[in-house]
N, C-alpha and C. Protein backbone atom coordinates (compact mmCIF):
# COMPACT_ATOMS: atom_id res chain seq x y z
N UNK A 1 -11.57 10.70 -1.80
CA UNK A 1 -12.03 9.38 -1.42
C UNK A 1 -11.11 8.83 -0.35
N UNK A 2 -11.69 8.42 0.74
CA UNK A 2 -10.94 7.96 1.85
C UNK A 2 -10.10 6.76 1.58
N UNK A 3 -10.65 5.86 0.77
CA UNK A 3 -9.87 4.58 0.50
C UNK A 3 -8.58 4.92 -0.31
N UNK A 4 -8.66 5.85 -1.25
CA UNK A 4 -7.47 6.21 -1.96
C UNK A 4 -6.46 6.91 -1.07
N UNK A 5 -6.97 7.64 -0.12
CA UNK A 5 -5.97 8.28 0.81
C UNK A 5 -5.33 7.25 1.75
N UNK A 6 -6.03 6.25 2.14
CA UNK A 6 -5.49 5.20 2.97
C UNK A 6 -4.44 4.41 2.23
N UNK A 7 -4.71 4.10 0.86
CA UNK A 7 -3.77 3.43 0.06
C UNK A 7 -2.47 4.19 -0.12
N UNK A 8 -2.58 5.45 -0.30
CA UNK A 8 -1.46 6.33 -0.47
C UNK A 8 -0.64 6.41 0.89
N UNK A 9 -1.36 6.44 1.99
CA UNK A 9 -0.68 6.46 3.27
C UNK A 9 0.14 5.18 3.49
N UNK A 10 -0.36 4.04 3.01
CA UNK A 10 0.38 2.77 3.16
C UNK A 10 1.59 2.86 2.35
N UNK A 11 1.51 3.29 1.04
CA UNK A 11 2.63 3.37 0.19
C UNK A 11 3.65 4.35 0.80
N UNK A 12 3.22 5.48 1.31
CA UNK A 12 4.17 6.46 1.89
C UNK A 12 4.94 5.82 3.10
N UNK A 13 4.20 5.11 3.97
CA UNK A 13 4.82 4.47 5.06
C UNK A 13 5.85 3.41 4.70
N UNK A 14 5.50 2.55 3.71
CA UNK A 14 6.37 1.56 3.25
C UNK A 14 7.57 2.11 2.63
N UNK A 15 7.49 3.11 1.81
CA UNK A 15 8.62 3.72 1.22
C UNK A 15 9.43 4.51 2.15
N UNK A 16 8.96 5.02 3.32
CA UNK A 16 9.64 5.59 4.36
C UNK A 16 10.58 4.56 5.04
N UNK A 17 10.09 3.37 5.17
CA UNK A 17 10.83 2.34 5.78
C UNK A 17 11.88 1.67 4.87
N UNK A 18 11.56 1.46 3.63
CA UNK A 18 12.33 0.75 2.68
C UNK A 18 12.49 1.72 1.47
N UNK A 19 13.40 2.64 1.52
CA UNK A 19 13.51 3.60 0.51
C UNK A 19 13.96 3.11 -0.83
N UNK A 20 14.65 1.96 -0.86
CA UNK A 20 15.19 1.38 -2.18
C UNK A 20 14.14 0.49 -2.82
N UNK A 21 12.90 0.46 -2.30
CA UNK A 21 11.87 -0.35 -2.89
C UNK A 21 10.70 0.45 -3.36
N UNK A 22 10.02 -0.06 -4.32
CA UNK A 22 8.73 0.52 -4.79
C UNK A 22 7.61 -0.50 -4.48
N UNK A 23 6.43 -0.06 -4.19
CA UNK A 23 5.33 -0.93 -3.78
C UNK A 23 4.12 -0.61 -4.60
N UNK A 24 3.37 -1.65 -4.87
CA UNK A 24 1.99 -1.54 -5.45
C UNK A 24 1.03 -1.97 -4.31
N UNK A 25 0.08 -1.07 -4.03
CA UNK A 25 -0.86 -1.31 -2.98
C UNK A 25 -2.22 -1.33 -3.60
N UNK A 26 -2.95 -2.44 -3.38
CA UNK A 26 -4.28 -2.58 -3.89
C UNK A 26 -5.35 -2.75 -2.82
N UNK A 27 -6.39 -1.98 -2.78
CA UNK A 27 -7.37 -2.15 -1.79
C UNK A 27 -8.33 -3.24 -2.33
N UNK A 28 -8.35 -4.33 -1.62
CA UNK A 28 -9.21 -5.42 -2.04
C UNK A 28 -10.70 -5.24 -1.56
N UNK A 29 -10.85 -4.84 -0.39
CA UNK A 29 -12.21 -4.45 0.12
C UNK A 29 -12.00 -3.62 1.37
N UNK A 30 -13.08 -2.99 1.74
CA UNK A 30 -12.98 -2.02 2.91
C UNK A 30 -14.28 -2.04 3.70
N UNK A 31 -14.26 -1.53 4.86
CA UNK A 31 -15.47 -1.23 5.63
C UNK A 31 -16.36 -0.27 4.93
N UNK A 32 -15.84 0.76 4.30
CA UNK A 32 -16.65 1.67 3.55
C UNK A 32 -17.42 1.05 2.36
N UNK A 33 -16.93 -0.09 1.95
CA UNK A 33 -17.64 -0.86 0.92
C UNK A 33 -18.65 -1.80 1.45
N UNK A 34 -18.80 -1.78 2.76
CA UNK A 34 -19.81 -2.69 3.41
C UNK A 34 -19.20 -4.00 3.94
N UNK A 35 -17.90 -4.20 3.84
CA UNK A 35 -17.23 -5.36 4.38
C UNK A 35 -17.00 -5.25 5.85
N UNK A 36 -16.74 -6.42 6.57
CA UNK A 36 -16.46 -6.35 8.01
C UNK A 36 -15.12 -5.84 8.33
N UNK A 37 -14.15 -5.83 7.38
CA UNK A 37 -12.82 -5.38 7.68
C UNK A 37 -12.27 -4.79 6.37
N UNK A 38 -11.01 -4.41 6.42
CA UNK A 38 -10.24 -3.90 5.22
C UNK A 38 -9.21 -4.96 4.86
N UNK A 39 -9.10 -5.08 3.59
CA UNK A 39 -8.03 -6.04 3.12
C UNK A 39 -7.19 -5.31 2.01
N UNK A 40 -5.91 -5.30 2.25
CA UNK A 40 -4.98 -4.56 1.26
C UNK A 40 -3.97 -5.56 0.81
N UNK A 41 -3.76 -5.58 -0.51
CA UNK A 41 -2.69 -6.46 -1.04
C UNK A 41 -1.52 -5.58 -1.35
N UNK A 42 -0.33 -5.97 -0.85
CA UNK A 42 0.93 -5.22 -1.07
C UNK A 42 1.97 -6.06 -1.76
N UNK A 43 2.51 -5.48 -2.84
CA UNK A 43 3.55 -6.17 -3.60
C UNK A 43 4.67 -5.28 -3.67
N UNK A 44 5.90 -5.86 -3.65
CA UNK A 44 7.11 -5.12 -3.92
C UNK A 44 7.28 -5.25 -5.41
N UNK A 45 7.33 -4.07 -6.14
CA UNK A 45 7.37 -4.15 -7.64
C UNK A 45 8.79 -3.82 -8.16
N UNK A 46 9.63 -3.26 -7.29
CA UNK A 46 10.99 -2.90 -7.80
C UNK A 46 11.98 -2.90 -6.53
N UNK A 47 13.09 -3.39 -6.70
CA UNK A 47 14.13 -3.43 -5.69
C UNK A 47 15.37 -2.93 -6.34
N UNK A 48 15.94 -1.77 -5.84
CA UNK A 48 17.14 -1.22 -6.40
C UNK A 48 18.24 -1.46 -5.41
N UNK A 49 19.22 -2.32 -5.77
CA UNK A 49 20.35 -2.54 -4.91
C UNK A 49 21.27 -1.36 -4.84
N UNK A 50 21.85 -1.16 -3.65
CA UNK A 50 22.74 0.00 -3.51
C UNK A 50 24.16 -0.23 -3.82
N UNK A 51 24.50 -1.41 -4.35
CA UNK A 51 25.92 -1.69 -4.57
C UNK A 51 26.21 -2.33 -5.85
């Protein structure tokens, strides 16, 4: 499923930039669902301090 792959790609990119954080990424709607655009909700769900 393309939408699931896109969601995983966003998670991978965010974790590559901010390794100490975990993210929850939710696809709200997409072009493949018939919408005009894609909307993704991104939340930081964990932050691990390094010190």
